Amino acid sequence: ISDTGGVIALASFRNVYMFNRTSSTPFFNFDLTTLPQLGNATAIDITSDGKFIVTCSSMGGVTDSSTILGFSKDSTGIVWRFKVGQVVAGGPGIQGIKMSGNDSLVIVNTYGGFYVLRTYTGQLLYQGVINTSSSGTQSPQGISGNGNVIATINYSGFVKVYQWNGSTYNLLWQHQEPPGAFFNWMTSVD
């Protein structure tokens, strides 16, 4: 939901919708079946003013590729698209999308990898690995208000914090929750 609550964005199986808060009729509807490679809409985020969304056509297979999509609320044409392939264990399915507080950047993750993109252009700034073996995550990753700091988590109990230096993200620190009687999964970060 946009910061004012004026626009609600929804990813629903084969469609991406946008609604005004005063109407149950969508004013925006993108049909994923129109894409050359069919996937499911699995994650979405919206800018604070409700004028732009980043979502995906997510593939679940181990050899497929998912597509991250950028849309303006004023047109159902795709503004930009970015293909995500099988780069690490866990498949290319999109697990989370989260925008920085100033809407300039978005962090998108699969089970095993993450991508930091410019929100309005889809330009890739950085890509990294979430898992070190077969433990990834099904949760969105964290990004600061201006996008200068990101945090990743995984099911091996790791949280890793990175800072932007002007040209790349550098690892600042990491912490691992020690294994105990139960799983040491890191399940949410913000």
N, C-alpha and C. Protein backbone atom coordinates (compact mmCIF):
# COMPACT_ATOMS: atom_id res chain seq x y z
N ILE A 1 0.86 -1.18 0.00
CA ILE A 1 0.00 0.00 0.00
C ILE A 1 0.89 1.23 0.00
N SER A 2 0.53 2.23 -0.80
CA SER A 2 1.29 3.47 -0.82
C SER A 2 1.23 4.13 0.56
N ASP A 3 2.13 5.07 0.82
CA ASP A 3 2.20 5.68 2.15
C ASP A 3 0.91 6.36 2.58
N THR A 4 0.18 6.93 1.65
CA THR A 4 -1.08 7.61 2.00
C THR A 4 -2.26 6.64 2.02
N GLY A 5 -2.03 5.40 1.60
CA GLY A 5 -3.12 4.43 1.51
C GLY A 5 -3.99 4.65 0.30
N GLY A 6 -3.58 5.49 -0.62
CA GLY A 6 -4.38 5.79 -1.80
C GLY A 6 -4.35 4.74 -2.88
N VAL A 7 -3.25 3.95 -2.94
CA VAL A 7 -3.11 2.94 -3.98
C VAL A 7 -2.69 1.62 -3.33
N ILE A 8 -3.36 0.55 -3.72
CA ILE A 8 -3.05 -0.79 -3.23
C ILE A 8 -2.59 -1.62 -4.43
N ALA A 9 -1.42 -2.25 -4.32
CA ALA A 9 -0.88 -3.10 -5.40
C ALA A 9 -1.00 -4.55 -4.96
N LEU A 10 -1.33 -5.42 -5.91
CA LEU A 10 -1.59 -6.82 -5.59
C LEU A 10 -1.01 -7.73 -6.67
N ALA A 11 -0.24 -8.73 -6.24
CA ALA A 11 0.25 -9.77 -7.14
C ALA A 11 -0.60 -11.00 -6.90
N SER A 12 -1.28 -11.47 -7.94
CA SER A 12 -2.26 -12.55 -7.76
C SER A 12 -2.16 -13.56 -8.90
N PHE A 13 -1.46 -14.66 -8.67
CA PHE A 13 -1.30 -15.76 -9.62
C PHE A 13 -0.82 -15.27 -10.98
N ARG A 14 -1.68 -14.99 -11.92
CA ARG A 14 -1.28 -14.58 -13.26
C ARG A 14 -1.55 -13.10 -13.55
N ASN A 15 -1.90 -12.32 -12.53
CA ASN A 15 -2.22 -10.92 -12.75
C ASN A 15 -1.54 -10.02 -11.72
N VAL A 16 -1.30 -8.79 -12.14
CA VAL A 16 -0.82 -7.73 -11.26
C VAL A 16 -1.87 -6.63 -11.31
N TYR A 17 -2.39 -6.27 -10.14
CA TYR A 17 -3.47 -5.30 -10.05
C TYR A 17 -3.04 -4.09 -9.23
N MET A 18 -3.70 -2.95 -9.52
CA MET A 18 -3.63 -1.77 -8.67
C MET A 18 -5.05 -1.27 -8.47
N PHE A 19 -5.35 -0.92 -7.23
CA PHE A 19 -6.66 -0.41 -6.85
C PHE A 19 -6.51 0.95 -6.17
N ASN A 20 -7.51 1.80 -6.32
CA ASN A 20 -7.64 2.97 -5.46
C ASN A 20 -8.30 2.49 -4.18
N ARG A 21 -8.04 3.15 -3.08
CA ARG A 21 -8.61 2.69 -1.81
C ARG A 21 -10.12 2.81 -1.76
N THR A 22 -10.71 3.58 -2.67
CA THR A 22 -12.15 3.82 -2.64
C THR A 22 -12.94 2.90 -3.57
N SER A 23 -12.25 1.98 -4.28
CA SER A 23 -12.97 1.16 -5.26
C SER A 23 -12.41 -0.27 -5.29
N SER A 24 -13.31 -1.22 -5.41
CA SER A 24 -12.89 -2.62 -5.54
C SER A 24 -12.65 -3.01 -6.99
N THR A 25 -12.74 -2.07 -7.90
CA THR A 25 -12.46 -2.31 -9.32
C THR A 25 -11.03 -1.86 -9.62
N PRO A 26 -10.17 -2.76 -10.11
CA PRO A 26 -8.79 -2.35 -10.39
C PRO A 26 -8.73 -1.31 -11.51
N PHE A 27 -7.85 -0.33 -11.35
CA PHE A 27 -7.60 0.63 -12.43
C PHE A 27 -6.39 0.20 -13.25
N PHE A 28 -5.66 -0.83 -12.78
CA PHE A 28 -4.48 -1.35 -13.47
C PHE A 28 -4.55 -2.86 -13.41
N ASN A 29 -4.35 -3.52 -14.55
CA ASN A 29 -4.36 -4.97 -14.59
C ASN A 29 -3.39 -5.43 -15.67
N PHE A 30 -2.28 -6.04 -15.24
CA PHE A 30 -1.35 -6.62 -16.20
C PHE A 30 -1.48 -8.13 -16.14
N ASP A 31 -1.71 -8.73 -17.28
CA ASP A 31 -1.91 -10.17 -17.41
C ASP A 31 -0.57 -10.83 -17.75
N LEU A 32 -0.04 -11.62 -16.83
CA LEU A 32 1.25 -12.27 -17.06
C LEU A 32 1.24 -13.28 -18.20
N THR A 33 0.06 -13.73 -18.61
CA THR A 33 0.00 -14.69 -19.72
C THR A 33 0.41 -14.04 -21.04
N THR A 34 0.53 -12.72 -21.08
CA THR A 34 0.98 -12.03 -22.30
C THR A 34 2.50 -12.07 -22.45
N LEU A 35 3.21 -12.52 -21.42
CA LEU A 35 4.67 -12.60 -21.50
C LEU A 35 5.09 -13.87 -22.24
N PRO A 36 6.27 -13.86 -22.88
CA PRO A 36 6.71 -15.05 -23.61
C PRO A 36 6.98 -16.25 -22.71
N GLN A 37 7.39 -16.00 -21.48
CA GLN A 37 7.65 -17.08 -20.53
C GLN A 37 6.71 -16.88 -19.34
N LEU A 38 5.79 -17.80 -19.15
CA LEU A 38 4.75 -17.65 -18.15
C LEU A 38 5.24 -18.03 -16.76
N GLY A 39 4.98 -17.17 -15.82
CA GLY A 39 5.29 -17.43 -14.41
C GLY A 39 4.16 -16.93 -13.54
N ASN A 40 4.36 -16.97 -12.24
CA ASN A 40 3.37 -16.51 -11.29
C ASN A 40 3.83 -15.18 -10.68
N ALA A 41 2.86 -14.33 -10.38
CA ALA A 41 3.14 -13.08 -9.68
C ALA A 41 3.28 -13.44 -8.20
N THR A 42 4.51 -13.39 -7.67
CA THR A 42 4.74 -13.86 -6.31
C THR A 42 5.14 -12.78 -5.32
N ALA A 43 5.65 -11.65 -5.76
CA ALA A 43 6.09 -10.60 -4.85
C ALA A 43 5.85 -9.25 -5.52
N ILE A 44 5.67 -8.21 -4.69
CA ILE A 44 5.37 -6.88 -5.23
C ILE A 44 5.72 -5.83 -4.19
N ASP A 45 6.08 -4.65 -4.64
CA ASP A 45 6.22 -3.49 -3.76
C ASP A 45 5.86 -2.26 -4.57
N ILE A 46 5.46 -1.22 -3.86
CA ILE A 46 4.95 0.00 -4.48
C ILE A 46 5.68 1.20 -3.90
N THR A 47 5.91 2.22 -4.72
CA THR A 47 6.55 3.44 -4.23
C THR A 47 5.64 4.14 -3.23
N SER A 48 6.23 5.00 -2.44
CA SER A 48 5.48 5.67 -1.38
C SER A 48 4.33 6.52 -1.92
N ASP A 49 4.50 7.07 -3.13
CA ASP A 49 3.44 7.88 -3.72
C ASP A 49 2.44 7.06 -4.54
N GLY A 50 2.69 5.76 -4.67
CA GLY A 50 1.76 4.88 -5.38
C GLY A 50 1.82 4.97 -6.89
N LYS A 51 2.87 5.57 -7.44
CA LYS A 51 2.94 5.79 -8.89
C LYS A 51 3.75 4.73 -9.64
N PHE A 52 4.47 3.86 -8.92
CA PHE A 52 5.33 2.89 -9.59
C PHE A 52 5.36 1.61 -8.76
N ILE A 53 5.33 0.46 -9.45
CA ILE A 53 5.43 -0.82 -8.77
C ILE A 53 6.55 -1.65 -9.38
N VAL A 54 7.14 -2.51 -8.54
CA VAL A 54 8.08 -3.52 -8.98
C VAL A 54 7.48 -4.85 -8.56
N THR A 55 7.37 -5.75 -9.51
CA THR A 55 6.78 -7.06 -9.26
C THR A 55 7.54 -8.09 -10.08
N CYS A 56 6.98 -9.28 -10.26
CA CYS A 56 7.72 -10.31 -10.97
C CYS A 56 6.80 -11.31 -11.65
N SER A 57 7.39 -12.01 -12.60
CA SER A 57 6.83 -13.22 -13.16
C SER A 57 7.80 -14.30 -12.73
N SER A 58 7.43 -15.03 -11.69
CA SER A 58 8.35 -15.91 -11.00
C SER A 58 8.21 -17.35 -11.46
N MET A 59 9.33 -17.94 -11.83
CA MET A 59 9.38 -19.33 -12.26
C MET A 59 9.94 -20.17 -11.11
N GLY A 60 9.44 -21.37 -10.97
CA GLY A 60 9.86 -22.21 -9.86
C GLY A 60 10.85 -23.29 -10.21
N GLY A 61 11.02 -23.60 -11.49
CA GLY A 61 11.90 -24.70 -11.89
C GLY A 61 13.36 -24.37 -11.71
N VAL A 62 14.18 -25.39 -11.70
CA VAL A 62 15.60 -25.18 -11.46
C VAL A 62 16.36 -24.68 -12.70
N THR A 63 15.77 -24.79 -13.87
CA THR A 63 16.46 -24.33 -15.08
C THR A 63 15.79 -23.13 -15.72
N ASP A 64 14.66 -22.69 -15.17
CA ASP A 64 13.94 -21.56 -15.73
C ASP A 64 14.57 -20.25 -15.28
N SER A 65 14.01 -19.15 -15.75
CA SER A 65 14.41 -17.84 -15.27
C SER A 65 13.17 -17.03 -14.96
N SER A 66 13.25 -16.24 -13.92
CA SER A 66 12.15 -15.35 -13.54
C SER A 66 12.44 -13.97 -14.11
N THR A 67 11.41 -13.13 -14.16
CA THR A 67 11.56 -11.78 -14.67
C THR A 67 11.04 -10.79 -13.64
N ILE A 68 11.87 -9.81 -13.31
CA ILE A 68 11.45 -8.71 -12.45
C ILE A 68 10.94 -7.62 -13.38
N LEU A 69 9.80 -7.03 -13.03
CA LEU A 69 9.13 -6.06 -13.91
C LEU A 69 8.88 -4.75 -13.19
N GLY A 70 9.09 -3.64 -13.88
CA GLY A 70 8.75 -2.31 -13.37
C GLY A 70 7.61 -1.72 -14.16
N PHE A 71 6.61 -1.17 -13.45
CA PHE A 71 5.42 -0.58 -14.09
C PHE A 71 5.12 0.79 -13.52
N SER A 72 4.68 1.68 -14.38
CA SER A 72 4.10 2.95 -13.95
C SER A 72 2.60 2.74 -13.80
N LYS A 73 1.99 3.36 -12.82
CA LYS A 73 0.55 3.17 -12.61
C LYS A 73 -0.29 3.73 -13.75
N ASP A 74 0.31 4.59 -14.56
CA ASP A 74 -0.44 5.25 -15.64
C ASP A 74 -0.46 4.47 -16.94
N SER A 75 0.20 3.30 -16.98
CA SER A 75 0.24 2.52 -18.21
C SER A 75 0.44 1.05 -17.86
N THR A 76 -0.21 0.14 -18.57
CA THR A 76 0.02 -1.28 -18.34
C THR A 76 1.18 -1.81 -19.18
N GLY A 77 1.88 -0.92 -19.88
CA GLY A 77 3.09 -1.34 -20.59
C GLY A 77 4.24 -1.48 -19.61
N ILE A 78 5.11 -2.43 -19.85
CA ILE A 78 6.26 -2.66 -18.97
C ILE A 78 7.28 -1.54 -19.19
N VAL A 79 7.68 -0.87 -18.11
CA VAL A 79 8.70 0.18 -18.19
C VAL A 79 10.08 -0.45 -18.32
N TRP A 80 10.35 -1.50 -17.54
CA TRP A 80 11.61 -2.23 -17.63
C TRP A 80 11.41 -3.67 -17.17
N ARG A 81 12.33 -4.52 -17.59
CA ARG A 81 12.33 -5.93 -17.15
C ARG A 81 13.77 -6.38 -16.96
N PHE A 82 13.95 -7.27 -15.99
CA PHE A 82 15.26 -7.80 -15.66
C PHE A 82 15.13 -9.30 -15.44
N LYS A 83 15.88 -10.10 -16.21
CA LYS A 83 15.83 -11.55 -16.12
C LYS A 83 16.73 -12.06 -15.00
N VAL A 84 16.20 -12.98 -14.21
CA VAL A 84 16.94 -13.63 -13.13
C VAL A 84 17.06 -15.09 -13.50
N GLY A 85 18.27 -15.58 -13.62
CA GLY A 85 18.49 -16.98 -13.96
C GLY A 85 18.85 -17.81 -12.76
N GLN A 86 19.12 -19.06 -13.01
CA GLN A 86 19.55 -19.99 -11.96
C GLN A 86 21.03 -19.73 -11.71
N VAL A 87 21.35 -18.94 -10.70
CA VAL A 87 22.75 -18.65 -10.41
C VAL A 87 23.26 -19.36 -9.18
N VAL A 88 22.37 -19.72 -8.27
CA VAL A 88 22.75 -20.44 -7.06
C VAL A 88 21.64 -21.44 -6.73
N ALA A 89 21.92 -22.33 -5.81
CA ALA A 89 20.94 -23.36 -5.43
C ALA A 89 19.63 -22.72 -4.97
N GLY A 90 18.55 -23.42 -5.22
CA GLY A 90 17.25 -22.97 -4.74
C GLY A 90 16.32 -22.50 -5.83
N GLY A 91 16.81 -22.34 -7.04
CA GLY A 91 15.94 -21.93 -8.14
C GLY A 91 15.82 -20.43 -8.30
N PRO A 92 15.26 -20.01 -9.43
CA PRO A 92 15.16 -18.59 -9.76
C PRO A 92 13.86 -17.94 -9.27
N GLY A 93 13.01 -18.66 -8.57
CA GLY A 93 11.74 -18.09 -8.13
C GLY A 93 11.95 -16.90 -7.21
N ILE A 94 11.24 -15.81 -7.48
CA ILE A 94 11.36 -14.60 -6.66
C ILE A 94 10.66 -14.81 -5.33
N GLN A 95 11.38 -14.60 -4.25
CA GLN A 95 10.85 -14.79 -2.90
C GLN A 95 10.48 -13.47 -2.22
N GLY A 96 11.14 -12.38 -2.59
CA GLY A 96 10.85 -11.10 -1.92
C GLY A 96 11.27 -9.90 -2.73
N ILE A 97 10.54 -8.80 -2.54
CA ILE A 97 10.85 -7.51 -3.15
C ILE A 97 10.64 -6.45 -2.07
N LYS A 98 11.63 -5.57 -1.92
CA LYS A 98 11.49 -4.49 -0.94
C LYS A 98 12.19 -3.24 -1.45
N MET A 99 11.48 -2.10 -1.41
CA MET A 99 12.04 -0.83 -1.85
C MET A 99 12.66 -0.07 -0.69
N SER A 100 13.67 0.74 -1.04
CA SER A 100 14.23 1.65 -0.04
C SER A 100 13.18 2.70 0.31
N GLY A 101 13.34 3.33 1.44
CA GLY A 101 12.37 4.32 1.91
C GLY A 101 12.22 5.51 0.98
N ASN A 102 13.29 5.87 0.26
CA ASN A 102 13.19 6.99 -0.69
C ASN A 102 12.82 6.53 -2.10
N ASP A 103 12.48 5.25 -2.25
CA ASP A 103 12.01 4.66 -3.51
C ASP A 103 13.06 4.59 -4.62
N SER A 104 14.31 4.90 -4.33
CA SER A 104 15.31 4.92 -5.39
C SER A 104 15.83 3.54 -5.77
N LEU A 105 15.85 2.61 -4.80
CA LEU A 105 16.39 1.28 -5.04
C LEU A 105 15.42 0.22 -4.55
N VAL A 106 15.60 -0.98 -5.09
CA VAL A 106 14.80 -2.12 -4.68
C VAL A 106 15.72 -3.32 -4.55
N ILE A 107 15.53 -4.11 -3.48
CA ILE A 107 16.27 -5.35 -3.32
C ILE A 107 15.29 -6.49 -3.60
N VAL A 108 15.68 -7.37 -4.51
CA VAL A 108 14.84 -8.49 -4.94
C VAL A 108 15.63 -9.76 -4.68
N ASN A 109 14.97 -10.78 -4.13
CA ASN A 109 15.71 -12.00 -3.86
C ASN A 109 14.99 -13.25 -4.33
N THR A 110 15.81 -14.20 -4.75
CA THR A 110 15.38 -15.57 -4.97
C THR A 110 15.68 -16.32 -3.68
N TYR A 111 15.57 -17.63 -3.68
CA TYR A 111 15.91 -18.42 -2.51
C TYR A 111 17.39 -18.26 -2.15
N GLY A 112 18.24 -18.20 -3.16
CA GLY A 112 19.68 -18.21 -2.91
C GLY A 112 20.46 -16.99 -3.31
N GLY A 113 19.84 -16.02 -3.99
CA GLY A 113 20.58 -14.85 -4.43
C GLY A 113 19.77 -13.58 -4.27
N PHE A 114 20.45 -12.43 -4.37
CA PHE A 114 19.74 -11.15 -4.29
C PHE A 114 20.30 -10.17 -5.30
N TYR A 115 19.46 -9.19 -5.65
CA TYR A 115 19.78 -8.19 -6.67
C TYR A 115 19.33 -6.83 -6.15
N VAL A 116 20.19 -5.83 -6.29
CA VAL A 116 19.81 -4.46 -5.97
C VAL A 116 19.71 -3.72 -7.30
N LEU A 117 18.52 -3.17 -7.57
CA LEU A 117 18.22 -2.51 -8.84
C LEU A 117 17.73 -1.08 -8.58
N ARG A 118 17.92 -0.22 -9.56
CA ARG A 118 17.29 1.10 -9.50
C ARG A 118 15.80 0.92 -9.76
N THR A 119 14.98 1.49 -8.91
CA THR A 119 13.54 1.28 -8.97
C THR A 119 12.95 1.67 -10.31
N TYR A 120 13.28 2.85 -10.82
CA TYR A 120 12.59 3.38 -12.00
C TYR A 120 13.20 2.96 -13.34
N THR A 121 14.43 2.39 -13.31
CA THR A 121 15.08 2.00 -14.58
C THR A 121 15.40 0.51 -14.65
N GLY A 122 15.45 -0.18 -13.53
CA GLY A 122 15.82 -1.59 -13.52
C GLY A 122 17.31 -1.83 -13.66
N GLN A 123 18.12 -0.78 -13.60
CA GLN A 123 19.57 -0.94 -13.71
C GLN A 123 20.09 -1.74 -12.51
N LEU A 124 20.85 -2.79 -12.80
CA LEU A 124 21.45 -3.62 -11.76
C LEU A 124 22.65 -2.89 -11.15
N LEU A 125 22.61 -2.70 -9.82
CA LEU A 125 23.74 -2.11 -9.12
C LEU A 125 24.62 -3.17 -8.47
N TYR A 126 23.98 -4.26 -8.02
CA TYR A 126 24.73 -5.27 -7.29
C TYR A 126 23.95 -6.57 -7.27
N GLN A 127 24.67 -7.67 -7.27
CA GLN A 127 24.03 -8.96 -7.05
C GLN A 127 24.93 -9.78 -6.14
N GLY A 128 24.30 -10.57 -5.28
CA GLY A 128 25.06 -11.35 -4.32
C GLY A 128 24.38 -12.67 -4.01
N VAL A 129 25.01 -13.43 -3.14
CA VAL A 129 24.54 -14.76 -2.76
C VAL A 129 24.02 -14.72 -1.32
N ILE A 130 22.86 -15.31 -1.11
CA ILE A 130 22.27 -15.41 0.23
C ILE A 130 22.73 -16.68 0.92
N ASN A 131 22.79 -17.76 0.17
CA ASN A 131 23.12 -19.04 0.80
C ASN A 131 24.57 -19.42 0.55
N THR A 132 25.11 -20.17 1.49
CA THR A 132 26.47 -20.65 1.33
C THR A 132 26.49 -22.12 0.94
N SER A 133 25.40 -22.82 1.15
CA SER A 133 25.28 -24.21 0.70
C SER A 133 23.89 -24.38 0.10
N SER A 134 22.98 -24.98 0.84
CA SER A 134 21.63 -25.15 0.32
C SER A 134 20.61 -24.38 1.16
N SER A 135 21.08 -23.55 2.08
CA SER A 135 20.17 -22.79 2.94
C SER A 135 20.01 -21.37 2.42
N GLY A 136 18.87 -21.09 1.83
CA GLY A 136 18.57 -19.75 1.36
C GLY A 136 17.52 -19.13 2.25
N THR A 137 16.55 -18.46 1.62
CA THR A 137 15.46 -17.85 2.38
C THR A 137 14.25 -17.67 1.49
N GLN A 138 13.11 -17.62 2.12
CA GLN A 138 11.85 -17.33 1.42
C GLN A 138 11.27 -16.01 1.92
N SER A 139 12.11 -15.17 2.51
CA SER A 139 11.69 -13.88 3.07
C SER A 139 12.33 -12.73 2.31
N PRO A 140 11.64 -11.57 2.26
CA PRO A 140 12.27 -10.38 1.68
C PRO A 140 13.50 -9.97 2.48
N GLN A 141 14.45 -9.36 1.81
CA GLN A 141 15.68 -8.88 2.46
C GLN A 141 15.49 -7.42 2.88
N GLY A 142 16.43 -6.89 3.65
CA GLY A 142 16.29 -5.54 4.18
C GLY A 142 17.06 -4.52 3.39
N ILE A 143 16.53 -3.30 3.34
CA ILE A 143 17.21 -2.18 2.67
C ILE A 143 16.88 -0.91 3.43
N SER A 144 17.89 -0.08 3.63
CA SER A 144 17.71 1.15 4.40
C SER A 144 16.91 2.19 3.61
N GLY A 145 16.56 3.28 4.28
CA GLY A 145 15.77 4.33 3.66
C GLY A 145 16.39 4.90 2.40
N ASN A 146 17.71 5.09 2.39
CA ASN A 146 18.37 5.62 1.19
C ASN A 146 19.04 4.53 0.37
N GLY A 147 18.93 3.28 0.79
CA GLY A 147 19.50 2.16 0.04
C GLY A 147 20.98 1.95 0.26
N ASN A 148 21.62 2.73 1.12
CA ASN A 148 23.06 2.59 1.34
C ASN A 148 23.43 1.37 2.17
N VAL A 149 22.48 0.83 2.92
CA VAL A 149 22.74 -0.35 3.73
C VAL A 149 21.70 -1.41 3.39
N ILE A 150 22.17 -2.64 3.18
CA ILE A 150 21.26 -3.76 2.95
C ILE A 150 21.60 -4.87 3.95
N ALA A 151 20.60 -5.70 4.23
CA ALA A 151 20.80 -6.83 5.14
C ALA A 151 20.17 -8.06 4.51
N THR A 152 20.91 -9.16 4.52
CA THR A 152 20.39 -10.43 4.00
C THR A 152 20.36 -11.44 5.14
N ILE A 153 19.41 -12.38 5.04
CA ILE A 153 19.28 -13.43 6.04
C ILE A 153 19.15 -14.77 5.33
N ASN A 154 19.39 -15.87 6.07
CA ASN A 154 19.17 -17.19 5.47
C ASN A 154 18.82 -18.21 6.53
N TYR A 155 18.49 -19.41 6.06
CA TYR A 155 18.07 -20.49 6.95
C TYR A 155 19.24 -21.24 7.58
N SER A 156 20.46 -20.73 7.42
CA SER A 156 21.60 -21.24 8.18
C SER A 156 21.86 -20.34 9.40
N GLY A 157 20.97 -19.39 9.63
CA GLY A 157 21.07 -18.52 10.79
C GLY A 157 21.95 -17.31 10.61
N PHE A 158 22.28 -16.96 9.35
CA PHE A 158 23.15 -15.81 9.11
C PHE A 158 22.35 -14.55 8.81
N VAL A 159 22.79 -13.44 9.37
CA VAL A 159 22.41 -12.11 8.91
C VAL A 159 23.72 -11.45 8.47
N LYS A 160 23.69 -10.86 7.27
CA LYS A 160 24.86 -10.17 6.74
C LYS A 160 24.45 -8.74 6.39
N VAL A 161 25.27 -7.79 6.79
CA VAL A 161 24.98 -6.38 6.56
C VAL A 161 26.06 -5.81 5.64
N TYR A 162 25.60 -5.13 4.58
CA TYR A 162 26.48 -4.55 3.57
C TYR A 162 26.25 -3.04 3.49
N GLN A 163 27.30 -2.29 3.13
CA GLN A 163 27.17 -0.84 2.94
C GLN A 163 27.70 -0.45 1.57
N TRP A 164 26.99 0.47 0.92
CA TRP A 164 27.35 0.99 -0.39
C TRP A 164 28.53 1.95 -0.23
N ASN A 165 29.56 1.81 -1.07
CA ASN A 165 30.73 2.70 -0.99
C ASN A 165 30.80 3.68 -2.16
N GLY A 166 29.76 3.73 -2.96
CA GLY A 166 29.75 4.59 -4.15
C GLY A 166 29.83 3.81 -5.44
N SER A 167 30.33 2.56 -5.36
CA SER A 167 30.40 1.73 -6.56
C SER A 167 30.00 0.28 -6.32
N THR A 168 29.98 -0.17 -5.07
CA THR A 168 29.59 -1.54 -4.77
C THR A 168 29.16 -1.62 -3.30
N TYR A 169 28.55 -2.75 -2.94
CA TYR A 169 28.24 -3.02 -1.54
C TYR A 169 29.37 -3.86 -0.95
N ASN A 170 29.86 -3.43 0.22
CA ASN A 170 30.89 -4.17 0.94
C ASN A 170 30.30 -4.75 2.22
N LEU A 171 30.69 -5.97 2.54
CA LEU A 171 30.24 -6.62 3.76
C LEU A 171 30.80 -5.86 4.96
N LEU A 172 29.89 -5.38 5.84
CA LEU A 172 30.30 -4.70 7.08
C LEU A 172 30.51 -5.71 8.20
N TRP A 173 29.55 -6.60 8.37
CA TRP A 173 29.63 -7.62 9.41
C TRP A 173 28.61 -8.71 9.13
N GLN A 174 28.79 -9.81 9.84
CA GLN A 174 27.82 -10.90 9.78
C GLN A 174 27.70 -11.53 11.16
N HIS A 175 26.57 -12.16 11.38
CA HIS A 175 26.31 -12.83 12.66
C HIS A 175 25.58 -14.13 12.35
N GLN A 176 25.93 -15.20 13.05
CA GLN A 176 25.20 -16.45 12.91
C GLN A 176 24.59 -16.83 14.24
N GLU A 177 23.27 -17.06 14.20
CA GLU A 177 22.56 -17.57 15.36
C GLU A 177 23.05 -19.00 15.58
N PRO A 178 23.57 -19.31 16.77
CA PRO A 178 24.11 -20.66 16.97
C PRO A 178 23.03 -21.73 16.89
N PRO A 179 23.34 -22.86 16.26
CA PRO A 179 22.38 -23.96 16.24
C PRO A 179 22.11 -24.44 17.67
N GLY A 180 20.85 -24.83 17.90
CA GLY A 180 20.46 -25.32 19.21
C GLY A 180 19.50 -26.47 19.07
N ALA A 181 18.56 -26.56 19.99
CA ALA A 181 17.57 -27.63 19.95
C ALA A 181 16.64 -27.50 18.75
N PHE A 182 16.49 -26.26 18.25
CA PHE A 182 15.62 -26.01 17.11
C PHE A 182 16.44 -25.43 15.97
N PHE A 183 15.80 -25.20 14.82
CA PHE A 183 16.49 -24.60 13.69
C PHE A 183 16.95 -23.19 14.04
N ASN A 184 18.08 -22.79 13.51
CA ASN A 184 18.58 -21.44 13.74
C ASN A 184 18.27 -20.53 12.56
N TRP A 185 17.09 -20.68 11.99
CA TRP A 185 16.72 -19.89 10.82
C TRP A 185 16.59 -18.41 11.17
N MET A 186 17.09 -17.55 10.29
CA MET A 186 16.76 -16.12 10.33
C MET A 186 15.55 -16.00 9.40
N THR A 187 14.42 -15.51 9.91
CA THR A 187 13.18 -15.55 9.14
C THR A 187 12.65 -14.19 8.71
N SER A 188 13.19 -13.09 9.23
CA SER A 188 12.69 -11.78 8.85
C SER A 188 13.74 -10.73 9.16
N VAL A 189 13.85 -9.73 8.28
CA VAL A 189 14.81 -8.65 8.49
C VAL A 189 14.21 -7.35 7.96
N ASP A 190 14.44 -6.26 8.69
CA ASP A 190 14.00 -4.93 8.25
C ASP A 190 14.92 -3.90 8.85
